[in-house]
C-alpha atoms as a PDB file:
ATOM      1  CA  MET A   1      -7.560 -26.020 -10.114  1.00  0.00           C
ATOM      2  CA  ASP A   2      -8.403 -23.689  -7.262  1.00  0.00           C
ATOM      3  CA  VAL A   3      -5.286 -21.738  -6.139  1.00  0.00           C
ATOM      4  CA  PHE A   4      -7.142 -20.226  -3.099  1.00  0.00           C
ATOM      5  CA  ILE A   5      -8.790 -22.575  -0.541  1.00  0.00           C
ATOM      6  CA  GLY A   6     -10.006 -22.335   2.923  1.00  0.00           C
ATOM      7  CA  ALA A   7      -8.463 -19.681   5.227  1.00  0.00           C
ATOM      8  CA  GLU A   8      -6.170 -18.157   2.610  1.00  0.00           C
ATOM      9  CA  HIS A   9      -9.064 -17.873   0.152  1.00  0.00           C
ATOM     10  CA  GLU A  10     -11.331 -16.093   2.723  1.00  0.00           C
ATOM     11  CA  ARG A  11      -8.677 -13.660   3.801  1.00  0.00           C
ATOM     12  CA  PHE A  12      -8.013 -12.727   0.184  1.00  0.00           C
ATOM     13  CA  VAL A  13     -11.673 -12.223  -0.528  1.00  0.00           C
ATOM     14  CA  ALA A  14     -12.231 -10.197   2.594  1.00  0.00           C
ATOM     15  CA  GLU A  15      -9.318  -7.917   1.665  1.00  0.00           C
ATOM     16  CA  MET A  16     -10.586  -7.448  -1.923  1.00  0.00           C
ATOM     17  CA  CYS A  17     -14.091  -6.632  -0.659  1.00  0.00           C
ATOM     18  CA  LEU A  18     -12.896  -4.064   1.800  1.00  0.00           C
ATOM     19  CA  ARG A  19     -10.663  -2.461  -0.908  1.00  0.00           C
ATOM     20  CA  ALA A  20     -13.681  -2.333  -3.257  1.00  0.00           C
ATOM     21  CA  ALA A  21     -15.843  -0.890  -0.479  1.00  0.00           C
ATOM     22  CA  PHE A  22     -13.368   1.844   0.142  1.00  0.00           C
ATOM     23  CA  LYS A  23     -13.100   2.761  -3.510  1.00  0.00           C
ATOM     24  CA  LYS A  24     -16.858   2.837  -3.803  1.00  0.00           C
ATOM     25  CA  LEU A  25     -17.255   4.991  -0.784  1.00  0.00           C
ATOM     26  CA  LYS A  26     -14.679   7.469  -2.127  1.00  0.00           C
ATOM     27  CA  VAL A  27     -16.750   7.932  -5.233  1.00  0.00           C
ATOM     28  CA  GLY A  28     -19.925   8.349  -3.167  1.00  0.00           C
ATOM     29  CA  ASP A  29     -21.626   5.076  -3.955  1.00  0.00           C
ATOM     30  CA  VAL A  30     -22.682   4.229  -0.399  1.00  0.00           C
ATOM     31  CA  TYR A  31     -24.995   1.356  -1.339  1.00  0.00           C
ATOM     32  CA  LEU A  32     -22.148  -0.637  -3.107  1.00  0.00           C
ATOM     33  CA  ALA A  33     -19.748   0.219  -0.274  1.00  0.00           C
ATOM     34  CA  VAL A  34     -22.024  -1.255   2.228  1.00  0.00           C
ATOM     35  CA  LYS A  35     -22.751  -4.333   0.065  1.00  0.00           C
ATOM     36  CA  ARG A  36     -18.898  -5.020  -0.289  1.00  0.00           C
ATOM     37  CA  THR A  37     -18.444  -4.489   3.394  1.00  0.00           C
ATOM     38  CA  GLU A  38     -21.190  -7.121   4.122  1.00  0.00           C
ATOM     39  CA  ASP A  39     -19.388  -9.476   1.667  1.00  0.00           C
ATOM     40  CA  ALA A  40     -16.072  -8.901   3.647  1.00  0.00           C
ATOM     41  CA  LEU A  41     -17.754  -9.609   6.949  1.00  0.00           C
ATOM     42  CA  ARG A  42     -19.177 -12.877   5.539  1.00  0.00           C
ATOM     43  CA  SER A  43     -15.682 -14.037   4.641  1.00  0.00           C
ATOM     44  CA  LEU A  44     -14.281 -12.914   7.854  1.00  0.00           C
ATOM     45  CA  LYS A  45     -17.062 -15.021   9.693  1.00  0.00           C
ATOM     46  CA  VAL A  46     -16.106 -18.063   7.675  1.00  0.00           C
ATOM     47  CA  LEU A  47     -12.297 -17.412   8.227  1.00  0.00           C
ATOM     48  CA  GLN A  48     -13.131 -17.244  12.161  1.00  0.00           C
ATOM     49  CA  GLU A  49     -14.991 -20.557  11.825  1.00  0.00           C
ATOM     50  CA  ILE A  50     -12.118 -22.131  10.020  1.00  0.00           C
ATOM     51  CA  LYS A  51      -9.716 -21.182  12.726  1.00  0.00           C
ATOM     52  CA  LYS A  52     -12.019 -22.343  15.435  1.00  0.00           C
ATOM     53  CA  ALA A  53     -12.153 -25.804  13.736  1.00  0.00           C
ATOM     54  CA  ASN A  54      -8.361 -26.047  13.586  1.00  0.00           C
END
């Protein structure tokens, strides 16, 4: 059973990706920080599309 679906899931994913990006940036791993930021942006884009549909 999926606990997170739709907008709530995308918001959670975006927040976790941004937290991971910040942690990677603090330790100097810029490549992974950028990758996690891109993942967050994808989730935020999906969240925006979900809100437009409703």
